[in-house]
Amino acid sequence: MTYEETEIMNFLKQSPETFMARREIARKAINRAAFEENPHWADAPLSSLLAQRLVEQDDSGHYRIRGYEG
């Protein structure tokens, strides 16, 4: 798992029941400076985490840790 994937997973673990928007993840998972430099930095790591079945995506395109049922 890459550094970016790990940071996204750590961020999502803070609220495992909540689906988060891609933009919010990109803005908050690492730091604001990374987001300001490249607002799309989280796209590739999120796609990879989705392919690895570590996260799930709802109909709105938001993400959370896979398997949380509440």
PDB file of N, CA and C in Angstrom:
ATOM      1  N   MET A   1       0.850  -1.173   0.000  1.00  0.00           N
ATOM      2  CA  MET A   1       0.000   0.000   0.000  1.00  0.00           C
ATOM      3  C   MET A   1       0.901   1.244   0.000  1.00  0.00           C
ATOM      4  N   THR A   2       0.554   2.200  -0.840  1.00  0.00           N
ATOM      5  CA  THR A   2       1.363   3.412  -0.949  1.00  0.00           C
ATOM      6  C   THR A   2       1.103   4.344   0.234  1.00  0.00           C
ATOM      7  N   TYR A   3       1.953   5.346   0.363  1.00  0.00           N
ATOM      8  CA  TYR A   3       1.778   6.351   1.412  1.00  0.00           C
ATOM      9  C   TYR A   3       0.405   7.021   1.288  1.00  0.00           C
ATOM     10  N   GLU A   4       0.033   7.414   0.077  1.00  0.00           N
ATOM     11  CA  GLU A   4      -1.240   8.089  -0.139  1.00  0.00           C
ATOM     12  C   GLU A   4      -2.420   7.183   0.210  1.00  0.00           C
ATOM     13  N   GLU A   5      -2.348   5.921  -0.177  1.00  0.00           N
ATOM     14  CA  GLU A   5      -3.412   4.975   0.155  1.00  0.00           C
ATOM     15  C   GLU A   5      -3.530   4.801   1.670  1.00  0.00           C
ATOM     16  N   THR A   6      -2.403   4.701   2.337  1.00  0.00           N
ATOM     17  CA  THR A   6      -2.400   4.556   3.795  1.00  0.00           C
ATOM     18  C   THR A   6      -3.025   5.772   4.463  1.00  0.00           C
ATOM     19  N   GLU A   7      -2.676   6.954   4.006  1.00  0.00           N
ATOM     20  CA  GLU A   7      -3.230   8.179   4.591  1.00  0.00           C
ATOM     21  C   GLU A   7      -4.734   8.282   4.341  1.00  0.00           C
ATOM     22  N   ILE A   8      -5.186   7.877   3.180  1.00  0.00           N
ATOM     23  CA  ILE A   8      -6.625   7.875   2.892  1.00  0.00           C
ATOM     24  C   ILE A   8      -7.338   6.885   3.813  1.00  0.00           C
ATOM     25  N   MET A   9      -6.786   5.694   3.973  1.00  0.00           N
ATOM     26  CA  MET A   9      -7.397   4.701   4.857  1.00  0.00           C
ATOM     27  C   MET A   9      -7.453   5.223   6.293  1.00  0.00           C
ATOM     28  N   ASN A  10      -6.380   5.836   6.761  1.00  0.00           N
ATOM     29  CA  ASN A  10      -6.362   6.392   8.116  1.00  0.00           C
ATOM     30  C   ASN A  10      -7.423   7.478   8.271  1.00  0.00           C
ATOM     31  N   PHE A  11      -7.581   8.307   7.263  1.00  0.00           N
ATOM     32  CA  PHE A  11      -8.591   9.357   7.300  1.00  0.00           C
ATOM     33  C   PHE A  11      -9.995   8.753   7.341  1.00  0.00           C
ATOM     34  N   LEU A  12     -10.266   7.776   6.497  1.00  0.00           N
ATOM     35  CA  LEU A  12     -11.591   7.162   6.457  1.00  0.00           C
ATOM     36  C   LEU A  12     -11.905   6.400   7.744  1.00  0.00           C
ATOM     37  N   LYS A  13     -10.900   5.867   8.407  1.00  0.00           N
ATOM     38  CA  LYS A  13     -11.105   5.133   9.663  1.00  0.00           C
ATOM     39  C   LYS A  13     -11.599   6.041  10.780  1.00  0.00           C
ATOM     40  N   GLN A  14     -11.399   7.341  10.653  1.00  0.00           N
ATOM     41  CA  GLN A  14     -11.860   8.274  11.677  1.00  0.00           C
ATOM     42  C   GLN A  14     -13.386   8.318  11.748  1.00  0.00           C
ATOM     43  N   SER A  15     -14.056   8.054  10.655  1.00  0.00           N
ATOM     44  CA  SER A  15     -15.524   8.025  10.586  1.00  0.00           C
ATOM     45  C   SER A  15     -15.947   6.887   9.664  1.00  0.00           C
ATOM     46  N   PRO A  16     -15.794   5.645  10.115  1.00  0.00           N
ATOM     47  CA  PRO A  16     -16.004   4.501   9.215  1.00  0.00           C
ATOM     48  C   PRO A  16     -17.426   4.369   8.687  1.00  0.00           C
ATOM     49  N   GLU A  17     -18.405   4.943   9.376  1.00  0.00           N
ATOM     50  CA  GLU A  17     -19.795   4.818   8.940  1.00  0.00           C
ATOM     51  C   GLU A  17     -20.187   5.848   7.890  1.00  0.00           C
ATOM     52  N   THR A  18     -19.337   6.861   7.692  1.00  0.00           N
ATOM     53  CA  THR A  18     -19.684   7.987   6.831  1.00  0.00           C
ATOM     54  C   THR A  18     -19.038   7.870   5.461  1.00  0.00           C
ATOM     55  N   PHE A  19     -19.843   8.033   4.422  1.00  0.00           N
ATOM     56  CA  PHE A  19     -19.297   8.126   3.069  1.00  0.00           C
ATOM     57  C   PHE A  19     -18.745   9.534   2.884  1.00  0.00           C
ATOM     58  N   MET A  20     -17.532   9.642   2.379  1.00  0.00           N
ATOM     59  CA  MET A  20     -16.851  10.927   2.189  1.00  0.00           C
ATOM     60  C   MET A  20     -16.684  11.223   0.699  1.00  0.00           C
ATOM     61  N   ALA A  21     -16.841  12.480   0.349  1.00  0.00           N
ATOM     62  CA  ALA A  21     -16.641  12.914  -1.027  1.00  0.00           C
ATOM     63  C   ALA A  21     -15.158  12.870  -1.384  1.00  0.00           C
ATOM     64  N   ARG A  22     -14.877  12.591  -2.639  1.00  0.00           N
ATOM     65  CA  ARG A  22     -13.502  12.537  -3.135  1.00  0.00           C
ATOM     66  C   ARG A  22     -12.763  13.849  -2.840  1.00  0.00           C
ATOM     67  N   ARG A  23     -13.426  14.971  -3.044  1.00  0.00           N
ATOM     68  CA  ARG A  23     -12.805  16.275  -2.811  1.00  0.00           C
ATOM     69  C   ARG A  23     -12.451  16.471  -1.334  1.00  0.00           C
ATOM     70  N   GLU A  24     -13.330  16.049  -0.431  1.00  0.00           N
ATOM     71  CA  GLU A  24     -13.049  16.165   1.002  1.00  0.00           C
ATOM     72  C   GLU A  24     -11.867  15.283   1.397  1.00  0.00           C
ATOM     73  N   ILE A  25     -11.825  14.090   0.853  1.00  0.00           N
ATOM     74  CA  ILE A  25     -10.695  13.192   1.127  1.00  0.00           C
ATOM     75  C   ILE A  25      -9.402  13.830   0.636  1.00  0.00           C
ATOM     76  N   ALA A  26      -9.429  14.362  -0.585  1.00  0.00           N
ATOM     77  CA  ALA A  26      -8.221  14.991  -1.152  1.00  0.00           C
ATOM     78  C   ALA A  26      -7.770  16.186  -0.324  1.00  0.00           C
ATOM     79  N   ARG A  27      -8.721  16.905   0.250  1.00  0.00           N
ATOM     80  CA  ARG A  27      -8.391  18.105   1.006  1.00  0.00           C
ATOM     81  C   ARG A  27      -7.895  17.797   2.411  1.00  0.00           C
ATOM     82  N   LYS A  28      -8.367  16.700   3.013  1.00  0.00           N
ATOM     83  CA  LYS A  28      -8.104  16.465   4.432  1.00  0.00           C
ATOM     84  C   LYS A  28      -7.217  15.264   4.761  1.00  0.00           C
ATOM     85  N   ALA A  29      -7.059  14.328   3.848  1.00  0.00           N
ATOM     86  CA  ALA A  29      -6.349  13.091   4.186  1.00  0.00           C
ATOM     87  C   ALA A  29      -4.855  13.309   4.422  1.00  0.00           C
ATOM     88  N   ILE A  30      -4.231  14.181   3.662  1.00  0.00           N
ATOM     89  CA  ILE A  30      -2.799  14.448   3.881  1.00  0.00           C
ATOM     90  C   ILE A  30      -2.640  15.840   4.469  1.00  0.00           C
ATOM     91  N   ASN A  31      -2.746  16.849   3.652  1.00  0.00           N
ATOM     92  CA  ASN A  31      -2.726  18.227   4.139  1.00  0.00           C
ATOM     93  C   ASN A  31      -3.257  19.155   3.066  1.00  0.00           C
ATOM     94  N   ARG A  32      -3.601  20.328   3.481  1.00  0.00           N
ATOM     95  CA  ARG A  32      -4.209  21.294   2.567  1.00  0.00           C
ATOM     96  C   ARG A  32      -3.250  21.681   1.441  1.00  0.00           C
ATOM     97  N   ALA A  33      -1.949  21.767   1.749  1.00  0.00           N
ATOM     98  CA  ALA A  33      -0.964  22.163   0.739  1.00  0.00           C
ATOM     99  C   ALA A  33      -0.933  21.169  -0.423  1.00  0.00           C
ATOM    100  N   ALA A  34      -1.024  19.878  -0.127  1.00  0.00           N
ATOM    101  CA  ALA A  34      -1.037  18.865  -1.188  1.00  0.00           C
ATOM    102  C   ALA A  34      -2.268  19.052  -2.072  1.00  0.00           C
ATOM    103  N   PHE A  35      -3.393  19.374  -1.455  1.00  0.00           N
ATOM    104  CA  PHE A  35      -4.622  19.607  -2.210  1.00  0.00           C
ATOM    105  C   PHE A  35      -4.500  20.855  -3.081  1.00  0.00           C
ATOM    106  N   GLU A  36      -3.945  21.917  -2.536  1.00  0.00           N
ATOM    107  CA  GLU A  36      -3.807  23.152  -3.304  1.00  0.00           C
ATOM    108  C   GLU A  36      -2.844  22.981  -4.478  1.00  0.00           C
ATOM    109  N   GLU A  37      -1.822  22.161  -4.294  1.00  0.00           N
ATOM    110  CA  GLU A  37      -0.862  21.894  -5.366  1.00  0.00           C
ATOM    111  C   GLU A  37      -1.484  21.040  -6.469  1.00  0.00           C
ATOM    112  N   ASN A  38      -2.267  20.026  -6.057  1.00  0.00           N
ATOM    113  CA  ASN A  38      -2.906  19.125  -7.023  1.00  0.00           C
ATOM    114  C   ASN A  38      -4.227  18.628  -6.433  1.00  0.00           C
ATOM    115  N   PRO A  39      -5.346  19.277  -6.760  1.00  0.00           N
ATOM    116  CA  PRO A  39      -6.636  18.880  -6.193  1.00  0.00           C
ATOM    117  C   PRO A  39      -7.075  17.462  -6.550  1.00  0.00           C
ATOM    118  N   HIS A  40      -6.436  16.845  -7.528  1.00  0.00           N
ATOM    119  CA  HIS A  40      -6.816  15.488  -7.968  1.00  0.00           C
ATOM    120  C   HIS A  40      -5.834  14.413  -7.510  1.00  0.00           C
ATOM    121  N   TRP A  41      -4.996  14.727  -6.529  1.00  0.00           N
ATOM    122  CA  TRP A  41      -3.970  13.765  -6.104  1.00  0.00           C
ATOM    123  C   TRP A  41      -4.601  12.467  -5.593  1.00  0.00           C
ATOM    124  N   ALA A  42      -5.794  12.519  -5.024  1.00  0.00           N
ATOM    125  CA  ALA A  42      -6.400  11.333  -4.411  1.00  0.00           C
ATOM    126  C   ALA A  42      -7.099  10.420  -5.417  1.00  0.00           C
ATOM    127  N   ASP A  43      -7.250  10.850  -6.652  1.00  0.00           N
ATOM    128  CA  ASP A  43      -7.983  10.045  -7.639  1.00  0.00           C
ATOM    129  C   ASP A  43      -7.384   8.658  -7.840  1.00  0.00           C
ATOM    130  N   ALA A  44      -6.093   8.603  -8.117  1.00  0.00           N
ATOM    131  CA  ALA A  44      -5.446   7.307  -8.379  1.00  0.00           C
ATOM    132  C   ALA A  44      -5.425   6.410  -7.135  1.00  0.00           C
ATOM    133  N   PRO A  45      -5.052   6.932  -5.952  1.00  0.00           N
ATOM    134  CA  PRO A  45      -5.086   6.054  -4.774  1.00  0.00           C
ATOM    135  C   PRO A  45      -6.487   5.546  -4.441  1.00  0.00           C
ATOM    136  N   LEU A  46      -7.514   6.388  -4.612  1.00  0.00           N
ATOM    137  CA  LEU A  46      -8.878   5.926  -4.350  1.00  0.00           C
ATOM    138  C   LEU A  46      -9.300   4.851  -5.338  1.00  0.00           C
ATOM    139  N   SER A  47      -8.935   4.998  -6.592  1.00  0.00           N
ATOM    140  CA  SER A  47      -9.240   3.967  -7.594  1.00  0.00           C
ATOM    141  C   SER A  47      -8.557   2.653  -7.245  1.00  0.00           C
ATOM    142  N   SER A  48      -7.323   2.744  -6.783  1.00  0.00           N
ATOM    143  CA  SER A  48      -6.582   1.551  -6.383  1.00  0.00           C
ATOM    144  C   SER A  48      -7.222   0.889  -5.167  1.00  0.00           C
ATOM    145  N   LEU A  49      -7.608   1.676  -4.171  1.00  0.00           N
ATOM    146  CA  LEU A  49      -8.253   1.123  -2.975  1.00  0.00           C
ATOM    147  C   LEU A  49      -9.597   0.489  -3.330  1.00  0.00           C
ATOM    148  N   LEU A  50     -10.291   1.068  -4.265  1.00  0.00           N
ATOM    149  CA  LEU A  50     -11.557   0.502  -4.720  1.00  0.00           C
ATOM    150  C   LEU A  50     -11.315  -0.832  -5.428  1.00  0.00           C
ATOM    151  N   ALA A  51     -10.299  -0.890  -6.283  1.00  0.00           N
ATOM    152  CA  ALA A  51      -9.954  -2.125  -6.994  1.00  0.00           C
ATOM    153  C   ALA A  51      -9.504  -3.222  -6.030  1.00  0.00           C
ATOM    154  N   GLN A  52      -8.836  -2.815  -4.941  1.00  0.00           N
ATOM    155  CA  GLN A  52      -8.388  -3.776  -3.925  1.00  0.00           C
ATOM    156  C   GLN A  52      -9.522  -4.180  -2.978  1.00  0.00           C
ATOM    157  N   ARG A  53     -10.688  -3.556  -3.161  1.00  0.00           N
ATOM    158  CA  ARG A  53     -11.865  -3.815  -2.341  1.00  0.00           C
ATOM    159  C   ARG A  53     -11.659  -3.451  -0.874  1.00  0.00           C
ATOM    160  N   LEU A  54     -10.846  -2.429  -0.628  1.00  0.00           N
ATOM    161  CA  LEU A  54     -10.632  -1.938   0.731  1.00  0.00           C
ATOM    162  C   LEU A  54     -11.603  -0.815   1.080  1.00  0.00           C
ATOM    163  N   VAL A  55     -12.108  -0.146   0.059  1.00  0.00           N
ATOM    164  CA  VAL A  55     -13.128   0.882   0.256  1.00  0.00           C
ATOM    165  C   VAL A  55     -14.309   0.562  -0.651  1.00  0.00           C
ATOM    166  N   GLU A  56     -15.447   1.154  -0.321  1.00  0.00           N
ATOM    167  CA  GLU A  56     -16.632   1.007  -1.158  1.00  0.00           C
ATOM    168  C   GLU A  56     -17.122   2.395  -1.554  1.00  0.00           C
ATOM    169  N   GLN A  57     -17.914   2.428  -2.607  1.00  0.00           N
ATOM    170  CA  GLN A  57     -18.400   3.672  -3.163  1.00  0.00           C
ATOM    171  C   GLN A  57     -19.927   3.614  -3.232  1.00  0.00           C
ATOM    172  N   ASP A  58     -20.582   4.702  -2.823  1.00  0.00           N
ATOM    173  CA  ASP A  58     -22.042   4.728  -2.910  1.00  0.00           C
ATOM    174  C   ASP A  58     -22.483   5.276  -4.264  1.00  0.00           C
ATOM    175  N   ASP A  59     -23.780   5.413  -4.447  1.00  0.00           N
ATOM    176  CA  ASP A  59     -24.329   5.874  -5.728  1.00  0.00           C
ATOM    177  C   ASP A  59     -23.935   7.313  -6.050  1.00  0.00           C
ATOM    178  N   SER A  60     -23.567   8.080  -5.032  1.00  0.00           N
ATOM    179  CA  SER A  60     -23.148   9.468  -5.231  1.00  0.00           C
ATOM    180  C   SER A  60     -21.669   9.596  -5.532  1.00  0.00           C
ATOM    181  N   GLY A  61     -20.938   8.477  -5.485  1.00  0.00           N
ATOM    182  CA  GLY A  61     -19.503   8.504  -5.748  1.00  0.00           C
ATOM    183  C   GLY A  61     -18.667   8.803  -4.522  1.00  0.00           C
ATOM    184  N   HIS A  62     -19.266   8.685  -3.320  1.00  0.00           N
ATOM    185  CA  HIS A  62     -18.535   8.920  -2.083  1.00  0.00           C
ATOM    186  C   HIS A  62     -17.967   7.603  -1.555  1.00  0.00           C
ATOM    187  N   TYR A  63     -16.937   7.693  -0.725  1.00  0.00           N
ATOM    188  CA  TYR A  63     -16.181   6.520  -0.283  1.00  0.00           C
ATOM    189  C   TYR A  63     -16.225   6.336   1.223  1.00  0.00           C
ATOM    190  N   ARG A  64     -16.111   5.074   1.653  1.00  0.00           N
ATOM    191  CA  ARG A  64     -15.905   4.727   3.063  1.00  0.00           C
ATOM    192  C   ARG A  64     -15.179   3.398   3.116  1.00  0.00           C
ATOM    193  N   ILE A  65     -14.718   3.053   4.298  1.00  0.00           N
ATOM    194  CA  ILE A  65     -14.066   1.764   4.516  1.00  0.00           C
ATOM    195  C   ILE A  65     -15.078   0.663   4.195  1.00  0.00           C
ATOM    196  N   ARG A  66     -14.655  -0.336   3.476  1.00  0.00           N
ATOM    197  CA  ARG A  66     -15.548  -1.417   3.045  1.00  0.00           C
ATOM    198  C   ARG A  66     -16.010  -2.243   4.245  1.00  0.00           C
ATOM    199  N   GLY A  67     -17.277  -2.613   4.217  1.00  0.00           N
ATOM    200  CA  GLY A  67     -17.807  -3.548   5.181  1.00  0.00           C
ATOM    201  C   GLY A  67     -18.461  -2.942   6.397  1.00  0.00           C
ATOM    202  N   TYR A  68     -18.496  -1.628   6.501  1.00  0.00           N
ATOM    203  CA  TYR A  68     -19.152  -1.025   7.667  1.00  0.00           C
ATOM    204  C   TYR A  68     -20.658  -1.099   7.469  1.00  0.00           C
ATOM    205  N   GLU A  69     -21.344  -1.685   8.417  1.00  0.00           N
ATOM    206  CA  GLU A  69     -22.786  -1.849   8.306  1.00  0.00           C
ATOM    207  C   GLU A  69     -23.552  -1.022   9.335  1.00  0.00           C
ATOM    208  N   GLY A  70     -22.854  -0.426  10.287  1.00  0.00           N
ATOM    209  CA  GLY A  70     -23.536   0.405  11.284  1.00  0.00           C
ATOM    210  C   GLY A  70     -24.071  -0.440  12.348  1.00  0.00           C
TER     211      GLY A  70
END
